[in-house]
């Protein structure tokens, strides 16, 4: 396990590492109010699709603890109101909605007869989501292992490691597993403007783990492929449509196009909880737009003149035609993704049913 945890539940409090402070400071914050958790998701104290989902599940546990209801129906109403607040925190990552819906379904399935039982069901399900995330991340890494040459130069965008999940990570977890199993990997990390998740967070994680890496500016990826040679690109995902179109951190689309031009395999790594078969393609994925100050300021320094308009898309959608494969915990999907993703999701659901 990693020496740090981005998400922990201790003494009926949710403990989150404040990712806005990294890499200069490692600061943990404690939350007892689900409104605070929603704000932590919105302000990116916690980020990364799996981590957001897990935090929201624990947010529902806090809602149960906060509730003063003495009867089961009133507490269910409080839980539903908390779910609405948490759902509104960020729109793109489907794991947020998946985790909330899973907790609420569990409550309906178990049919608790008293408030104490309802509280126990919610917190147990939140813990189950957290533990399953760790298992899924490791299995993604194991499934991807045969795809990683030795040695390997791997290009990674944003941050998809332990900070973006409960532990290990998705795309960065693939690099970690390969390293731990003895392959000679070197990660090239896009800085990932405007919030610099690659430079601040991925580099910090790989430093902690002793994995060789180099930070590059986002616009250098094509030239890097030409001059240094990249064996593969691996990225995470915030939502994957039924046809394989994938929403991820802004800049992923550009990277996929450049990889295609240079003949570099482009892999998406994500748990099946990130796959959304209810939408046919990427046109239906809501794309979050964030505050202009993320672009107009670098730290406390304003770098864009007053009066210049700013458009700050937080995510983009990579069309399936640029994706070599999608690596999940239950297997690897290859084109045509409409068929392979549906088959993997069926396998995942059958595993849950057992």
Protein backbone atom coordinates (compact mmCIF):
# COMPACT_ATOMS: atom_id res chain seq x y z
CA UNK A 1 0.00 0.00 0.00
CA UNK A 2 0.99 3.61 -0.45
CA UNK A 3 2.41 5.39 2.60
CA UNK A 4 -0.22 8.12 2.18
CA UNK A 5 -3.98 7.79 1.72
CA UNK A 6 -6.02 10.39 -0.15
CA UNK A 7 -9.21 9.18 1.57
CA UNK A 8 -9.66 7.74 5.04
CA UNK A 9 -12.56 7.22 7.44
CA UNK A 10 -11.52 7.68 11.07
CA UNK A 11 -13.62 8.23 14.19
CA UNK A 12 -16.75 8.92 12.14
CA UNK A 13 -14.94 11.62 10.16
CA UNK A 14 -13.86 11.72 6.54
CA UNK A 15 -10.16 12.56 6.24
CA UNK A 16 -8.92 13.92 2.91
CA UNK A 17 -5.48 15.00 1.79
CA UNK A 18 -5.74 18.58 0.49
CA UNK A 19 -4.46 18.13 -3.05
CA UNK A 20 -4.39 21.88 -3.62
CA UNK A 21 -1.42 22.12 -1.22
CA UNK A 22 0.78 19.48 -2.87
CA UNK A 23 3.68 19.17 -3.46
CA UNK A 24 4.79 21.87 -1.00
CA UNK A 25 2.67 20.72 1.93
CA UNK A 26 0.98 17.47 2.92
CA UNK A 27 -2.13 18.65 4.72
CA UNK A 28 -5.04 16.49 5.87
CA UNK A 29 -8.50 17.91 6.46
CA UNK A 30 -11.30 16.36 8.53
CA UNK A 31 -14.95 16.58 7.50
CA UNK A 32 -18.08 15.90 9.54
CA UNK A 33 -20.63 17.61 7.26
CA UNK A 34 -21.69 16.37 3.83
CA UNK A 35 -21.97 19.97 2.61
CA UNK A 36 -18.26 20.31 3.31
CA UNK A 37 -17.58 17.14 1.32
CA UNK A 38 -19.53 18.52 -1.65
CA UNK A 39 -17.46 21.69 -1.48
CA UNK A 40 -14.25 19.64 -1.18
CA UNK A 41 -15.18 17.84 -4.42
CA UNK A 42 -16.08 21.10 -6.14
CA UNK A 43 -12.91 22.91 -5.04
CA UNK A 44 -10.70 19.91 -5.89
CA UNK A 45 -9.48 19.21 -2.39
CA UNK A 46 -10.31 15.71 -3.56
CA UNK A 47 -10.23 14.91 -7.29
CA UNK A 48 -10.04 11.99 -9.70
CA UNK A 49 -13.17 10.10 -10.70
CA UNK A 50 -12.83 7.08 -8.36
CA UNK A 51 -11.79 9.25 -5.41
CA UNK A 52 -14.72 11.60 -6.00
CA UNK A 53 -17.14 8.67 -5.98
CA UNK A 54 -15.71 7.23 -2.79
CA UNK A 55 -15.72 10.63 -1.07
CA UNK A 56 -19.38 11.08 -2.01
CA UNK A 57 -20.25 7.67 -0.55
CA UNK A 58 -18.64 8.67 2.74
CA UNK A 59 -20.43 12.01 2.42
CA UNK A 60 -23.70 10.07 2.60
CA UNK A 61 -22.42 8.34 5.73
CA UNK A 62 -21.80 11.77 7.24
CA UNK A 63 -25.33 12.78 6.26
CA UNK A 64 -26.68 9.86 8.29
CA UNK A 65 -24.54 10.88 11.25
CA UNK A 66 -25.71 14.50 10.93
CA UNK A 67 -29.36 13.58 10.70
CA UNK A 68 -31.48 14.16 13.81
CA UNK A 69 -34.30 12.03 12.41
CA UNK A 70 -35.82 9.53 14.80
CA UNK A 71 -37.78 7.55 12.23
CA UNK A 72 -36.59 5.71 9.15
CA UNK A 73 -38.55 7.69 6.53
CA UNK A 74 -37.28 11.04 7.81
CA UNK A 75 -33.69 9.79 7.72
CA UNK A 76 -34.19 8.50 4.17
CA UNK A 77 -35.40 11.97 3.24
CA UNK A 78 -32.26 13.51 4.78
CA UNK A 79 -30.15 11.01 2.85
CA UNK A 80 -31.90 11.88 -0.40
CA UNK A 81 -31.31 15.60 0.17
CA UNK A 82 -27.62 14.95 0.82
CA UNK A 83 -27.42 12.91 -2.38
CA UNK A 84 -28.78 15.88 -4.36
CA UNK A 85 -26.17 18.21 -2.89
CA UNK A 86 -23.32 15.79 -3.57
CA UNK A 87 -24.49 15.09 -7.14
CA UNK A 88 -24.36 18.81 -7.91
CA UNK A 89 -20.68 19.13 -6.92
CA UNK A 90 -19.13 18.14 -10.29
CA UNK A 91 -20.93 17.02 -13.46
CA UNK A 92 -18.50 15.02 -15.60
CA UNK A 93 -17.19 12.12 -13.48
CA UNK A 94 -19.80 9.38 -13.63
CA UNK A 95 -18.25 7.62 -10.60
CA UNK A 96 -19.79 10.35 -8.44
CA UNK A 97 -23.31 9.41 -9.51
CA UNK A 98 -22.53 5.69 -9.60
CA UNK A 99 -21.35 5.64 -5.97
CA UNK A 100 -24.31 7.68 -4.69
CA UNK A 101 -26.82 5.52 -6.57
CA UNK A 102 -25.13 2.35 -5.31
CA UNK A 103 -25.44 3.43 -1.68
CA UNK A 104 -29.09 4.42 -2.12
CA UNK A 105 -29.89 1.13 -3.89
CA UNK A 106 -28.28 -0.79 -1.03
CA UNK A 107 -30.52 0.99 1.45
CA UNK A 108 -33.62 0.11 -0.56
CA UNK A 109 -32.49 -3.49 -0.99
CA UNK A 110 -31.75 -4.04 2.71
CA UNK A 111 -34.97 -2.34 3.88
CA UNK A 112 -33.71 -1.18 7.29
CA UNK A 113 -36.35 -0.95 9.99
CA UNK A 114 -34.60 1.61 12.21
CA UNK A 115 -32.22 4.56 11.86
CA UNK A 116 -29.29 2.79 13.49
CA UNK A 117 -29.45 -0.01 10.93
CA UNK A 118 -29.70 2.50 8.08
CA UNK A 119 -26.55 4.28 9.31
CA UNK A 120 -24.70 0.96 9.46
CA UNK A 121 -25.77 0.00 5.93
CA UNK A 122 -24.59 3.31 4.47
CA UNK A 123 -21.19 3.33 6.15
CA UNK A 124 -20.58 -0.35 5.32
CA UNK A 125 -21.37 0.28 1.67
CA UNK A 126 -19.03 3.28 1.57
CA UNK A 127 -16.26 1.09 2.99
CA UNK A 128 -17.07 -1.60 0.43
CA UNK A 129 -16.75 0.93 -2.41
CA UNK A 130 -13.37 2.05 -1.04
CA UNK A 131 -12.00 -1.48 -0.70
CA UNK A 132 -13.27 -2.52 -4.12
CA UNK A 133 -11.56 0.50 -5.64
CA UNK A 134 -8.18 -0.66 -4.33
CA UNK A 135 -8.76 -4.18 -5.67
CA UNK A 136 -9.96 -2.88 -9.04
CA UNK A 137 -6.97 -0.60 -9.44
CA UNK A 138 -4.51 -3.39 -8.79
CA UNK A 139 -6.32 -5.69 -11.20
CA UNK A 140 -6.23 -3.00 -13.91
CA UNK A 141 -2.45 -2.93 -13.45
CA UNK A 142 -2.18 -6.72 -13.66
CA UNK A 143 -4.40 -6.85 -16.76
CA UNK A 144 -2.24 -4.21 -18.46
CA UNK A 145 1.07 -5.82 -17.53
CA UNK A 146 1.45 -7.89 -20.74
CA UNK A 147 0.95 -4.71 -22.79
CA UNK A 148 3.98 -2.97 -21.24
CA UNK A 149 7.31 -3.65 -22.99
CA UNK A 150 10.56 -3.88 -21.05
CA UNK A 151 12.05 -1.31 -21.06
CA UNK A 152 9.16 1.10 -21.64
CA UNK A 153 8.84 4.85 -22.13
CA UNK A 154 5.29 5.74 -21.11
CA UNK A 155 3.52 9.06 -21.58
CA UNK A 156 0.90 9.91 -18.96
CA UNK A 157 -1.56 12.81 -18.71
CA UNK A 158 -2.97 14.42 -15.55
CA UNK A 159 -2.91 12.39 -12.32
CA UNK A 160 -4.49 8.96 -12.03
CA UNK A 161 -2.57 7.47 -9.10
CA UNK A 162 -3.31 7.01 -5.42
CA UNK A 163 -4.34 10.65 -5.15
CA UNK A 164 -7.08 10.17 -7.76
CA UNK A 165 -8.35 6.93 -6.24
CA UNK A 166 -8.39 5.23 -2.85
CA UNK A 167 -5.00 3.64 -3.54
CA UNK A 168 -2.72 2.50 -6.40
CA UNK A 169 -4.50 4.33 -9.21
CA UNK A 170 -5.68 3.49 -12.71
CA UNK A 171 -3.33 4.64 -15.48
CA UNK A 172 -0.56 5.59 -13.07
CA UNK A 173 -1.27 2.35 -11.25
CA UNK A 174 -0.36 0.47 -14.44
CA UNK A 175 3.04 2.16 -14.39
CA UNK A 176 3.40 1.37 -10.70
CA UNK A 177 2.53 -2.33 -11.10
CA UNK A 178 4.97 -2.67 -14.00
CA UNK A 179 7.70 -1.06 -11.89
CA UNK A 180 6.94 -3.23 -8.87
CA UNK A 181 7.05 -6.37 -11.00
CA UNK A 182 10.51 -5.50 -12.28
CA UNK A 183 9.95 -3.86 -15.66
CA UNK A 184 12.18 -0.91 -16.48
CA UNK A 185 9.64 1.85 -16.96
CA UNK A 186 10.19 5.56 -17.36
CA UNK A 187 7.14 7.82 -17.13
CA UNK A 188 6.93 11.10 -19.02
CA UNK A 189 4.38 13.29 -17.24
CA UNK A 190 2.41 16.00 -18.99
CA UNK A 191 2.32 18.99 -16.64
CA UNK A 192 -1.46 19.16 -17.33
CA UNK A 193 -2.52 22.77 -17.43
CA UNK A 194 -4.16 24.69 -15.93
CA UNK A 195 -4.05 23.03 -12.48
CA UNK A 196 -0.79 21.14 -13.13
CA UNK A 197 -1.95 17.78 -11.80
CA UNK A 198 0.85 16.04 -13.68
CA UNK A 199 3.63 18.33 -12.49
CA UNK A 200 2.36 18.74 -8.92
CA UNK A 201 0.67 15.43 -8.16
CA UNK A 202 1.89 12.67 -10.47
CA UNK A 203 5.52 13.73 -10.04
CA UNK A 204 5.02 13.88 -6.26
CA UNK A 205 3.58 10.35 -6.24
CA UNK A 206 6.32 8.88 -8.41
CA UNK A 207 8.92 10.56 -6.21
CA UNK A 208 7.34 8.85 -3.21
CA UNK A 209 7.44 5.49 -5.02
CA UNK A 210 10.92 5.83 -6.53
CA UNK A 211 9.68 5.39 -10.11
CA UNK A 212 11.83 7.08 -12.81
CA UNK A 213 10.00 9.97 -14.46
CA UNK A 214 10.39 13.25 -16.33
CA UNK A 215 7.95 16.17 -16.38
CA UNK A 216 7.21 17.79 -19.76
CA UNK A 217 5.00 20.67 -20.87
CA UNK A 218 1.70 19.61 -22.42
CA UNK A 219 2.65 20.88 -25.86
CA UNK A 220 5.85 18.81 -25.99
CA UNK A 221 4.21 15.40 -26.42
CA UNK A 222 4.46 15.24 -30.22
CA UNK A 223 8.07 16.30 -30.33
CA UNK A 224 8.86 13.88 -27.50
CA UNK A 225 7.41 11.02 -29.53
CA UNK A 226 9.54 12.04 -32.49
CA UNK A 227 12.84 12.69 -30.71
CA UNK A 228 12.81 10.42 -27.64
CA UNK A 229 10.42 7.71 -28.74
CA UNK A 230 7.39 6.74 -26.67
CA UNK A 231 6.21 3.13 -26.43
CA UNK A 232 2.68 3.86 -25.26
CA UNK A 233 0.38 6.48 -23.77
CA UNK A 234 -1.85 5.62 -20.84
CA UNK A 235 -4.53 7.92 -19.42
CA UNK A 236 -7.47 7.67 -17.07
CA UNK A 237 -11.11 8.53 -17.65
CA UNK A 238 -13.97 10.37 -15.99
CA UNK A 239 -16.69 8.84 -18.15
CA UNK A 240 -16.67 6.32 -21.00
CA UNK A 241 -19.64 6.18 -23.38
CA UNK A 242 -21.06 2.97 -24.83
CA UNK A 243 -19.13 3.45 -28.09
CA UNK A 244 -15.80 4.02 -26.30
CA UNK A 245 -15.69 7.82 -26.53
CA UNK A 246 -13.89 8.90 -23.38
CA UNK A 247 -14.06 12.07 -21.29
CA UNK A 248 -10.85 12.87 -19.45
CA UNK A 249 -8.80 15.86 -18.31
CA UNK A 250 -8.51 18.60 -20.92
CA UNK A 251 -5.59 17.89 -23.24
CA UNK A 252 -6.25 14.16 -23.53
CA UNK A 253 -7.90 14.60 -26.95
CA UNK A 254 -4.84 16.44 -28.26
CA UNK A 255 -2.53 13.73 -26.91
CA UNK A 256 -4.58 10.97 -28.56
CA UNK A 257 -4.39 12.66 -31.97
CA UNK A 258 -0.62 13.10 -31.68
CA UNK A 259 -0.21 9.47 -30.60
CA UNK A 260 -2.20 8.30 -33.61
CA UNK A 261 0.00 10.37 -35.94
CA UNK A 262 3.15 8.79 -34.49
CA UNK A 263 1.82 5.23 -34.31
CA UNK A 264 1.94 5.13 -30.51
CA UNK A 265 -0.64 2.89 -28.77
CA UNK A 266 -3.10 4.94 -26.74
CA UNK A 267 -4.65 3.16 -23.75
CA UNK A 268 -7.43 4.29 -21.42
CA UNK A 269 -7.43 2.78 -17.92
CA UNK A 270 -10.55 2.89 -15.77
CA UNK A 271 -12.74 0.72 -13.54
CA UNK A 272 -16.06 -0.44 -14.95
CA UNK A 273 -17.76 2.09 -12.64
CA UNK A 274 -16.51 4.75 -15.09
CA UNK A 275 -18.26 3.11 -18.06
CA UNK A 276 -21.66 4.65 -18.77
CA UNK A 277 -23.60 2.45 -21.18
CA UNK A 278 -26.66 4.69 -20.80
CA UNK A 279 -25.14 7.20 -23.22
CA UNK A 280 -24.37 6.19 -26.82
CA UNK A 281 -21.39 8.47 -27.45
CA UNK A 282 -19.31 11.36 -26.15
CA UNK A 283 -21.70 14.03 -27.37
CA UNK A 284 -23.91 13.21 -24.40
CA UNK A 285 -21.20 13.62 -21.77
CA UNK A 286 -21.60 16.87 -19.79
CA UNK A 287 -18.33 18.82 -19.82
CA UNK A 288 -17.56 20.95 -16.80
CA UNK A 289 -16.43 24.54 -17.26
CA UNK A 290 -14.43 25.91 -14.35
CA UNK A 291 -13.56 29.37 -13.04
CA UNK A 292 -11.47 31.61 -15.34
CA UNK A 293 -8.97 32.28 -12.53
CA UNK A 294 -7.53 28.80 -13.01
CA UNK A 295 -6.15 30.17 -16.29
CA UNK A 296 -5.75 33.88 -15.58
CA UNK A 297 -3.65 33.24 -12.46
CA UNK A 298 -0.61 31.07 -11.80
CA UNK A 299 -0.61 30.81 -8.04
CA UNK A 300 -1.21 34.36 -6.82
CA UNK A 301 0.24 35.96 -9.97
CA UNK A 302 -2.16 37.22 -12.64
CA UNK A 303 -0.82 36.34 -16.11
CA UNK A 304 -3.77 37.30 -18.32
CA UNK A 305 -4.70 40.97 -18.76
CA UNK A 306 -7.95 42.25 -17.34
CA UNK A 307 -10.73 42.20 -19.90
CA UNK A 308 -9.54 39.16 -21.87
CA UNK A 309 -12.30 36.52 -22.05
CA UNK A 310 -11.44 33.01 -20.86
CA UNK A 311 -12.95 29.63 -21.72
CA UNK A 312 -11.92 26.98 -19.19
CA UNK A 313 -13.09 23.50 -20.18
CA UNK A 314 -12.00 21.07 -17.47
CA UNK A 315 -12.39 18.00 -19.71
CA UNK A 316 -12.47 16.98 -23.33
CA UNK A 317 -13.79 13.91 -25.15
CA UNK A 318 -11.45 11.61 -27.06
CA UNK A 319 -13.26 9.82 -29.90
CA UNK A 320 -13.06 6.03 -29.74
CA UNK A 321 -11.22 5.88 -33.07
CA UNK A 322 -8.08 7.21 -31.37
CA UNK A 323 -8.17 4.66 -28.52
CA UNK A 324 -6.21 1.41 -28.88
CA UNK A 325 -7.88 -0.32 -25.93
CA UNK A 326 -9.73 0.34 -22.68
CA UNK A 327 -8.26 -1.50 -19.69
CA UNK A 328 -10.63 -2.35 -16.82
CA UNK A 329 -10.50 -4.60 -13.77
CA UNK A 330 -12.50 -7.34 -15.52
CA UNK A 331 -10.55 -7.32 -18.79
CA UNK A 332 -9.46 -5.30 -21.80
CA UNK A 333 -11.88 -3.90 -24.36
CA UNK A 334 -10.76 -3.55 -27.98
CA UNK A 335 -12.64 -2.04 -30.92
CA UNK A 336 -15.48 -2.31 -31.73
CA UNK A 337 -16.10 -0.93 -28.26
CA UNK A 338 -19.89 -1.14 -28.52
CA UNK A 339 -19.48 -4.92 -28.33
CA UNK A 340 -16.44 -5.30 -26.09
CA UNK A 341 -17.52 -2.78 -23.45
CA UNK A 342 -21.00 -4.31 -23.25
CA UNK A 343 -19.42 -7.74 -22.76
CA UNK A 344 -17.10 -6.46 -20.01
CA UNK A 345 -19.95 -4.72 -18.21
CA UNK A 346 -21.98 -7.92 -18.31
CA UNK A 347 -19.02 -9.78 -16.84
CA UNK A 348 -18.67 -7.13 -14.12
CA UNK A 349 -22.35 -7.33 -13.20
CA UNK A 350 -22.27 -11.12 -13.11
CA UNK A 351 -19.30 -10.91 -10.74
CA UNK A 352 -21.25 -8.61 -8.44
CA UNK A 353 -24.26 -10.92 -8.57
CA UNK A 354 -22.14 -13.87 -7.45
